[in-house]
């Protein structure tokens, strides 16, 4: 499973919270790989996906959260996807 976090770079508090949440969940599930998607570097891809803000989270290349979810919601969604 791949979880990607859209980031805007250093100093973005939402980005840091999203990265921390994803890192915490990734520690619980060894099959999770994480990756940062920098807004500037991935602009065209993010535009195609309809993502216009940092902190969005994609799971398996699909947009799952357009804003920072709670840790419990993120865990729940990961677990649901792992069970399918």
PDB file of N, CA and C in Angstrom:
ATOM      1  N   UNK A   1       0.852  -1.179   0.000  1.00  0.00           N
ATOM      2  CA  UNK A   1       0.000   0.000   0.000  1.00  0.00           C
ATOM      3  C   UNK A   1       0.892   1.234   0.000  1.00  0.00           C
ATOM      4  N   UNK A   2       0.534   2.178  -0.837  1.00  0.00           N
ATOM      5  CA  UNK A   2       1.275   3.436  -0.924  1.00  0.00           C
ATOM      6  C   UNK A   2       0.404   4.574  -0.399  1.00  0.00           C
ATOM      7  N   UNK A   3       0.940   5.329   0.555  1.00  0.00           N
ATOM      8  CA  UNK A   3       0.255   6.520   1.054  1.00  0.00           C
ATOM      9  C   UNK A   3       1.121   7.718   0.702  1.00  0.00           C
ATOM     10  N   UNK A   4       0.526   8.669  -0.013  1.00  0.00           N
ATOM     11  CA  UNK A   4       1.234   9.872  -0.435  1.00  0.00           C
ATOM     12  C   UNK A   4       0.621  11.084   0.259  1.00  0.00           C
ATOM     13  N   UNK A   5       1.477  11.985   0.704  1.00  0.00           N
ATOM     14  CA  UNK A   5       1.038  13.208   1.370  1.00  0.00           C
ATOM     15  C   UNK A   5       1.460  14.397   0.516  1.00  0.00           C
ATOM     16  N   UNK A   6       0.505  15.264   0.210  1.00  0.00           N
ATOM     17  CA  UNK A   6       0.794  16.473  -0.564  1.00  0.00           C
ATOM     18  C   UNK A   6       1.365  17.515   0.388  1.00  0.00           C
ATOM     19  N   UNK A   7       2.571  18.000   0.062  1.00  0.00           N
ATOM     20  CA  UNK A   7       3.226  18.972   0.929  1.00  0.00           C
ATOM     21  C   UNK A   7       3.613  20.227   0.152  1.00  0.00           C
ATOM     22  N   UNK A   8       3.751  21.311   0.909  1.00  0.00           N
ATOM     23  CA  UNK A   8       4.132  22.594   0.313  1.00  0.00           C
ATOM     24  C   UNK A   8       5.548  22.996   0.710  1.00  0.00           C
ATOM     25  N   UNK A   9       6.217  22.145   1.462  1.00  0.00           N
ATOM     26  CA  UNK A   9       7.587  22.437   1.857  1.00  0.00           C
ATOM     27  C   UNK A   9       7.713  22.794   3.324  1.00  0.00           C
ATOM     28  N   UNK A  10       8.917  23.163   3.747  1.00  0.00           N
ATOM     29  CA  UNK A  10       9.181  23.491   5.149  1.00  0.00           C
ATOM     30  C   UNK A  10       8.296  24.639   5.643  1.00  0.00           C
ATOM     31  N   UNK A  11       7.887  24.532   6.894  1.00  0.00           N
ATOM     32  CA  UNK A  11       7.085  25.590   7.495  1.00  0.00           C
ATOM     33  C   UNK A  11       5.590  25.407   7.340  1.00  0.00           C
ATOM     34  N   UNK A  12       5.165  24.386   6.614  1.00  0.00           N
ATOM     35  CA  UNK A  12       3.731  24.124   6.418  1.00  0.00           C
ATOM     36  C   UNK A  12       3.245  23.242   7.570  1.00  0.00           C
ATOM     37  N   UNK A  13       2.525  23.833   8.518  1.00  0.00           N
ATOM     38  CA  UNK A  13       2.116  23.082   9.708  1.00  0.00           C
ATOM     39  C   UNK A  13       1.131  21.964   9.377  1.00  0.00           C
ATOM     40  N   UNK A  14       0.223  22.190   8.445  1.00  0.00           N
ATOM     41  CA  UNK A  14      -0.721  21.140   8.035  1.00  0.00           C
ATOM     42  C   UNK A  14       0.055  19.970   7.419  1.00  0.00           C
ATOM     43  N   UNK A  15       1.030  20.289   6.599  1.00  0.00           N
ATOM     44  CA  UNK A  15       1.858  19.255   5.958  1.00  0.00           C
ATOM     45  C   UNK A  15       2.575  18.418   7.015  1.00  0.00           C
ATOM     46  N   UNK A  16       3.151  19.088   7.990  1.00  0.00           N
ATOM     47  CA  UNK A  16       3.876  18.390   9.049  1.00  0.00           C
ATOM     48  C   UNK A  16       2.948  17.473   9.834  1.00  0.00           C
ATOM     49  N   UNK A  17       1.734  17.936  10.122  1.00  0.00           N
ATOM     50  CA  UNK A  17       0.762  17.103  10.843  1.00  0.00           C
ATOM     51  C   UNK A  17       0.342  15.905  10.004  1.00  0.00           C
ATOM     52  N   UNK A  18       0.119  16.121   8.716  1.00  0.00           N
ATOM     53  CA  UNK A  18      -0.270  15.022   7.825  1.00  0.00           C
ATOM     54  C   UNK A  18       0.857  13.993   7.722  1.00  0.00           C
ATOM     55  N   UNK A  19       2.085  14.465   7.569  1.00  0.00           N
ATOM     56  CA  UNK A  19       3.233  13.555   7.493  1.00  0.00           C
ATOM     57  C   UNK A  19       3.390  12.756   8.781  1.00  0.00           C
ATOM     58  N   UNK A  20       3.181  13.414   9.915  1.00  0.00           N
ATOM     59  CA  UNK A  20       3.295  12.734  11.206  1.00  0.00           C
ATOM     60  C   UNK A  20       2.221  11.657  11.343  1.00  0.00           C
ATOM     61  N   UNK A  21       0.987  11.983  10.970  1.00  0.00           N
ATOM     62  CA  UNK A  21      -0.110  11.014  11.062  1.00  0.00           C
ATOM     63  C   UNK A  21       0.155   9.808  10.166  1.00  0.00           C
ATOM     64  N   UNK A  22       0.572  10.069   8.942  1.00  0.00           N
ATOM     65  CA  UNK A  22       0.853   8.981   8.002  1.00  0.00           C
ATOM     66  C   UNK A  22       2.025   8.135   8.508  1.00  0.00           C
ATOM     67  N   UNK A  23       3.036   8.762   9.056  1.00  0.00           N
ATOM     68  CA  UNK A  23       4.180   8.023   9.602  1.00  0.00           C
ATOM     69  C   UNK A  23       3.758   7.123  10.754  1.00  0.00           C
ATOM     70  N   UNK A  24       2.878   7.632  11.615  1.00  0.00           N
ATOM     71  CA  UNK A  24       2.396   6.835  12.744  1.00  0.00           C
ATOM     72  C   UNK A  24       1.652   5.601  12.254  1.00  0.00           C
ATOM     73  N   UNK A  25       0.771   5.778  11.286  1.00  0.00           N
ATOM     74  CA  UNK A  25       0.006   4.651  10.759  1.00  0.00           C
ATOM     75  C   UNK A  25       0.940   3.676  10.037  1.00  0.00           C
ATOM     76  N   UNK A  26       1.915   4.197   9.317  1.00  0.00           N
ATOM     77  CA  UNK A  26       2.855   3.339   8.593  1.00  0.00           C
ATOM     78  C   UNK A  26       3.669   2.456   9.545  1.00  0.00           C
ATOM     79  N   UNK A  27       3.952   2.952  10.734  1.00  0.00           N
ATOM     80  CA  UNK A  27       4.673   2.144  11.720  1.00  0.00           C
ATOM     81  C   UNK A  27       3.843   0.949  12.178  1.00  0.00           C
ATOM     82  N   UNK A  28       2.525   1.094  12.137  1.00  0.00           N
ATOM     83  CA  UNK A  28       1.626   0.029  12.587  1.00  0.00           C
ATOM     84  C   UNK A  28       1.406  -1.045  11.522  1.00  0.00           C
ATOM     85  N   UNK A  29       1.641  -0.697  10.273  1.00  0.00           N
ATOM     86  CA  UNK A  29       1.391  -1.615   9.160  1.00  0.00           C
ATOM     87  C   UNK A  29       2.646  -1.686   8.285  1.00  0.00           C
ATOM     88  N   UNK A  30       3.406  -2.770   8.379  1.00  0.00           N
ATOM     89  CA  UNK A  30       4.669  -2.857   7.635  1.00  0.00           C
ATOM     90  C   UNK A  30       4.504  -2.849   6.113  1.00  0.00           C
ATOM     91  N   UNK A  31       3.319  -3.126   5.620  1.00  0.00           N
ATOM     92  CA  UNK A  31       3.099  -3.149   4.173  1.00  0.00           C
ATOM     93  C   UNK A  31       2.858  -1.759   3.584  1.00  0.00           C
ATOM     94  N   UNK A  32       2.901  -0.732   4.416  1.00  0.00           N
ATOM     95  CA  UNK A  32       2.678   0.636   3.938  1.00  0.00           C
ATOM     96  C   UNK A  32       4.002   1.295   3.563  1.00  0.00           C
ATOM     97  N   UNK A  33       3.997   1.888   2.400  1.00  0.00           N
ATOM     98  CA  UNK A  33       5.114   2.706   1.927  1.00  0.00           C
ATOM     99  C   UNK A  33       4.596   4.141   1.877  1.00  0.00           C
ATOM    100  N   UNK A  34       5.414   5.101   2.259  1.00  0.00           N
ATOM    101  CA  UNK A  34       4.975   6.499   2.251  1.00  0.00           C
ATOM    102  C   UNK A  34       5.832   7.329   1.306  1.00  0.00           C
ATOM    103  N   UNK A  35       5.224   8.399   0.835  1.00  0.00           N
ATOM    104  CA  UNK A  35       5.928   9.286  -0.093  1.00  0.00           C
ATOM    105  C   UNK A  35       5.346  10.690   0.029  1.00  0.00           C
ATOM    106  N   UNK A  36       6.211  11.689  -0.100  1.00  0.00           N
ATOM    107  CA  UNK A  36       5.775  13.093  -0.145  1.00  0.00           C
ATOM    108  C   UNK A  36       5.588  13.514  -1.586  1.00  0.00           C
ATOM    109  N   UNK A  37       4.524  14.263  -1.837  1.00  0.00           N
ATOM    110  CA  UNK A  37       4.300  14.862  -3.152  1.00  0.00           C
ATOM    111  C   UNK A  37       4.383  16.366  -2.972  1.00  0.00           C
ATOM    112  N   UNK A  38       5.466  16.971  -3.412  1.00  0.00           N
ATOM    113  CA  UNK A  38       5.622  18.414  -3.279  1.00  0.00           C
ATOM    114  C   UNK A  38       4.756  19.120  -4.319  1.00  0.00           C
ATOM    115  N   UNK A  39       3.991  20.091  -3.881  1.00  0.00           N
ATOM    116  CA  UNK A  39       3.056  20.813  -4.742  1.00  0.00           C
ATOM    117  C   UNK A  39       3.737  21.331  -6.006  1.00  0.00           C
ATOM    118  N   UNK A  40       4.893  21.922  -5.866  1.00  0.00           N
ATOM    119  CA  UNK A  40       5.587  22.500  -7.019  1.00  0.00           C
ATOM    120  C   UNK A  40       6.051  21.406  -7.979  1.00  0.00           C
ATOM    121  N   UNK A  41       6.637  20.351  -7.438  1.00  0.00           N
ATOM    122  CA  UNK A  41       7.180  19.279  -8.276  1.00  0.00           C
ATOM    123  C   UNK A  41       6.098  18.446  -8.956  1.00  0.00           C
ATOM    124  N   UNK A  42       4.950  18.319  -8.317  1.00  0.00           N
ATOM    125  CA  UNK A  42       3.882  17.446  -8.817  1.00  0.00           C
ATOM    126  C   UNK A  42       2.655  18.236  -9.263  1.00  0.00           C
ATOM    127  N   UNK A  43       2.845  19.492  -9.626  1.00  0.00           N
ATOM    128  CA  UNK A  43       1.725  20.391  -9.920  1.00  0.00           C
ATOM    129  C   UNK A  43       0.745  19.815 -10.945  1.00  0.00           C
ATOM    130  N   UNK A  44       1.238  19.332 -12.069  1.00  0.00           N
ATOM    131  CA  UNK A  44       0.346  18.831 -13.120  1.00  0.00           C
ATOM    132  C   UNK A  44      -0.458  17.624 -12.653  1.00  0.00           C
ATOM    133  N   UNK A  45       0.199  16.680 -12.005  1.00  0.00           N
ATOM    134  CA  UNK A  45      -0.506  15.491 -11.504  1.00  0.00           C
ATOM    135  C   UNK A  45      -1.576  15.881 -10.489  1.00  0.00           C
ATOM    136  N   UNK A  46      -1.227  16.762  -9.564  1.00  0.00           N
ATOM    137  CA  UNK A  46      -2.179  17.178  -8.535  1.00  0.00           C
ATOM    138  C   UNK A  46      -3.350  17.932  -9.146  1.00  0.00           C
ATOM    139  N   UNK A  47      -3.080  18.732 -10.151  1.00  0.00           N
ATOM    140  CA  UNK A  47      -4.145  19.460 -10.837  1.00  0.00           C
ATOM    141  C   UNK A  47      -5.107  18.476 -11.505  1.00  0.00           C
ATOM    142  N   UNK A  48      -4.572  17.443 -12.140  1.00  0.00           N
ATOM    143  CA  UNK A  48      -5.405  16.418 -12.767  1.00  0.00           C
ATOM    144  C   UNK A  48      -6.277  15.696 -11.743  1.00  0.00           C
ATOM    145  N   UNK A  49      -5.749  15.526 -10.539  1.00  0.00           N
ATOM    146  CA  UNK A  49      -6.493  14.854  -9.475  1.00  0.00           C
ATOM    147  C   UNK A  49      -7.471  15.786  -8.762  1.00  0.00           C
ATOM    148  N   UNK A  50      -7.398  17.071  -9.062  1.00  0.00           N
ATOM    149  CA  UNK A  50      -8.279  18.040  -8.417  1.00  0.00           C
ATOM    150  C   UNK A  50      -7.837  18.429  -7.023  1.00  0.00           C
ATOM    151  N   UNK A  51      -6.560  18.289  -6.751  1.00  0.00           N
ATOM    152  CA  UNK A  51      -6.021  18.651  -5.441  1.00  0.00           C
ATOM    153  C   UNK A  51      -5.386  20.029  -5.554  1.00  0.00           C
ATOM    154  N   UNK A  52      -5.878  20.938  -4.726  1.00  0.00           N
ATOM    155  CA  UNK A  52      -5.388  22.317  -4.789  1.00  0.00           C
ATOM    156  C   UNK A  52      -4.855  22.814  -3.451  1.00  0.00           C
ATOM    157  N   UNK A  53      -4.671  21.885  -2.496  1.00  0.00           N
ATOM    158  CA  UNK A  53      -4.150  22.313  -1.202  1.00  0.00           C
ATOM    159  C   UNK A  53      -3.215  21.265  -0.622  1.00  0.00           C
ATOM    160  N   UNK A  54      -2.278  21.727   0.157  1.00  0.00           N
ATOM    161  CA  UNK A  54      -1.348  20.838   0.836  1.00  0.00           C
ATOM    162  C   UNK A  54      -2.078  20.131   1.971  1.00  0.00           C
ATOM    163  N   UNK A  55      -1.555  18.986   2.351  1.00  0.00           N
ATOM    164  CA  UNK A  55      -2.151  18.204   3.427  1.00  0.00           C
ATOM    165  C   UNK A  55      -3.076  17.111   2.929  1.00  0.00           C
ATOM    166  N   UNK A  56      -3.362  17.091   1.634  1.00  0.00           N
ATOM    167  CA  UNK A  56      -4.200  16.030   1.071  1.00  0.00           C
ATOM    168  C   UNK A  56      -3.443  14.704   1.159  1.00  0.00           C
ATOM    169  N   UNK A  57      -4.209  13.615   1.247  1.00  0.00           N
ATOM    170  CA  UNK A  57      -3.607  12.288   1.366  1.00  0.00           C
ATOM    171  C   UNK A  57      -4.194  11.367   0.307  1.00  0.00           C
ATOM    172  N   UNK A  58      -3.302  10.710  -0.417  1.00  0.00           N
ATOM    173  CA  UNK A  58      -3.690   9.731  -1.427  1.00  0.00           C
ATOM    174  C   UNK A  58      -3.291   8.351  -0.921  1.00  0.00           C
ATOM    175  N   UNK A  59      -4.149   7.384  -1.166  1.00  0.00           N
ATOM    176  CA  UNK A  59      -3.824   6.004  -0.826  1.00  0.00           C
ATOM    177  C   UNK A  59      -3.949   5.189  -2.101  1.00  0.00           C
ATOM    178  N   UNK A  60      -2.880   4.496  -2.423  1.00  0.00           N
ATOM    179  CA  UNK A  60      -2.815   3.724  -3.672  1.00  0.00           C
ATOM    180  C   UNK A  60      -3.170   4.583  -4.875  1.00  0.00           C
ATOM    181  N   UNK A  61      -2.626   5.799  -4.869  1.00  0.00           N
ATOM    182  CA  UNK A  61      -2.751   6.767  -5.970  1.00  0.00           C
ATOM    183  C   UNK A  61      -4.158   7.333  -6.165  1.00  0.00           C
ATOM    184  N   UNK A  62      -5.044   7.102  -5.192  1.00  0.00           N
ATOM    185  CA  UNK A  62      -6.394   7.673  -5.241  1.00  0.00           C
ATOM    186  C   UNK A  62      -6.549   8.676  -4.104  1.00  0.00           C
ATOM    187  N   UNK A  63      -7.224   9.780  -4.377  1.00  0.00           N
ATOM    188  CA  UNK A  63      -7.440  10.802  -3.356  1.00  0.00           C
ATOM    189  C   UNK A  63      -8.395  10.243  -2.305  1.00  0.00           C
ATOM    190  N   UNK A  64      -7.936  10.172  -1.078  1.00  0.00           N
ATOM    191  CA  UNK A  64      -8.774   9.688   0.030  1.00  0.00           C
ATOM    192  C   UNK A  64      -9.180  10.823   0.961  1.00  0.00           C
ATOM    193  N   UNK A  65      -8.293  11.796   1.156  1.00  0.00           N
ATOM    194  CA  UNK A  65      -8.579  12.926   2.037  1.00  0.00           C
ATOM    195  C   UNK A  65      -8.054  14.198   1.382  1.00  0.00           C
ATOM    196  N   UNK A  66      -8.905  15.195   1.253  1.00  0.00           N
ATOM    197  CA  UNK A  66      -8.464  16.472   0.685  1.00  0.00           C
ATOM    198  C   UNK A  66      -8.007  17.437   1.768  1.00  0.00           C
ATOM    199  N   UNK A  67      -8.228  17.071   3.007  1.00  0.00           N
ATOM    200  CA  UNK A  67      -7.728  17.849   4.140  1.00  0.00           C
ATOM    201  C   UNK A  67      -7.287  16.859   5.213  1.00  0.00           C
ATOM    202  N   UNK A  68      -6.623  17.357   6.211  1.00  0.00           N
ATOM    203  CA  UNK A  68      -6.049  16.510   7.250  1.00  0.00           C
ATOM    204  C   UNK A  68      -7.131  15.745   8.014  1.00  0.00           C
ATOM    205  N   UNK A  69      -7.116  14.408   7.955  1.00  0.00           N
ATOM    206  CA  UNK A  69      -8.078  13.623   8.729  1.00  0.00           C
ATOM    207  C   UNK A  69      -7.555  13.414  10.149  1.00  0.00           C
ATOM    208  N   UNK A  70      -8.439  12.989  11.020  1.00  0.00           N
ATOM    209  CA  UNK A  70      -7.979  12.595  12.351  1.00  0.00           C
ATOM    210  C   UNK A  70      -7.177  11.306  12.197  1.00  0.00           C
ATOM    211  N   UNK A  71      -6.343  11.029  13.161  1.00  0.00           N
ATOM    212  CA  UNK A  71      -5.543   9.814  13.126  1.00  0.00           C
ATOM    213  C   UNK A  71      -6.446   8.583  13.094  1.00  0.00           C
ATOM    214  N   UNK A  72      -7.544   8.623  13.837  1.00  0.00           N
ATOM    215  CA  UNK A  72      -8.454   7.473  13.856  1.00  0.00           C
ATOM    216  C   UNK A  72      -9.128   7.262  12.501  1.00  0.00           C
ATOM    217  N   UNK A  73      -9.498   8.343  11.815  1.00  0.00           N
ATOM    218  CA  UNK A  73     -10.109   8.200  10.485  1.00  0.00           C
ATOM    219  C   UNK A  73      -9.102   7.658   9.475  1.00  0.00           C
ATOM    220  N   UNK A  74      -7.868   8.109   9.571  1.00  0.00           N
ATOM    221  CA  UNK A  74      -6.825   7.611   8.677  1.00  0.00           C
ATOM    222  C   UNK A  74      -6.599   6.120   8.920  1.00  0.00           C
ATOM    223  N   UNK A  75      -6.474   5.726  10.179  1.00  0.00           N
ATOM    224  CA  UNK A  75      -6.298   4.308  10.520  1.00  0.00           C
ATOM    225  C   UNK A  75      -7.464   3.476   9.999  1.00  0.00           C
ATOM    226  N   UNK A  76      -8.675   3.973  10.226  1.00  0.00           N
ATOM    227  CA  UNK A  76      -9.878   3.255   9.803  1.00  0.00           C
ATOM    228  C   UNK A  76      -9.890   3.043   8.286  1.00  0.00           C
ATOM    229  N   UNK A  77      -9.542   4.073   7.534  1.00  0.00           N
ATOM    230  CA  UNK A  77      -9.543   3.958   6.067  1.00  0.00           C
ATOM    231  C   UNK A  77      -8.466   2.983   5.599  1.00  0.00           C
ATOM    232  N   UNK A  78      -7.300   3.047   6.198  1.00  0.00           N
ATOM    233  CA  UNK A  78      -6.222   2.114   5.856  1.00  0.00           C
ATOM    234  C   UNK A  78      -6.669   0.686   6.139  1.00  0.00           C
ATOM    235  N   UNK A  79      -7.240   0.466   7.302  1.00  0.00           N
ATOM    236  CA  UNK A  79      -7.701  -0.877   7.668  1.00  0.00           C
ATOM    237  C   UNK A  79      -8.771  -1.370   6.700  1.00  0.00           C
ATOM    238  N   UNK A  80      -9.712  -0.506   6.337  1.00  0.00           N
ATOM    239  CA  UNK A  80     -10.753  -0.878   5.365  1.00  0.00           C
ATOM    240  C   UNK A  80     -10.130  -1.306   4.042  1.00  0.00           C
ATOM    241  N   UNK A  81      -9.165  -0.549   3.566  1.00  0.00           N
ATOM    242  CA  UNK A  81      -8.526  -0.872   2.288  1.00  0.00           C
ATOM    243  C   UNK A  81      -7.687  -2.145   2.370  1.00  0.00           C
ATOM    244  N   UNK A  82      -7.070  -2.384   3.502  1.00  0.00           N
ATOM    245  CA  UNK A  82      -6.285  -3.604   3.667  1.00  0.00           C
ATOM    246  C   UNK A  82      -7.179  -4.839   3.735  1.00  0.00           C
ATOM    247  N   UNK A  83      -8.398  -4.660   4.200  1.00  0.00           N
ATOM    248  CA  UNK A  83      -9.328  -5.784   4.332  1.00  0.00           C
ATOM    249  C   UNK A  83     -10.071  -6.111   3.046  1.00  0.00           C
ATOM    250  N   UNK A  84      -9.911  -5.290   2.008  1.00  0.00           N
ATOM    251  CA  UNK A  84     -10.627  -5.565   0.757  1.00  0.00           C
ATOM    252  C   UNK A  84      -9.772  -6.328  -0.224  1.00  0.00           C
TER     253      UNK A  84
END
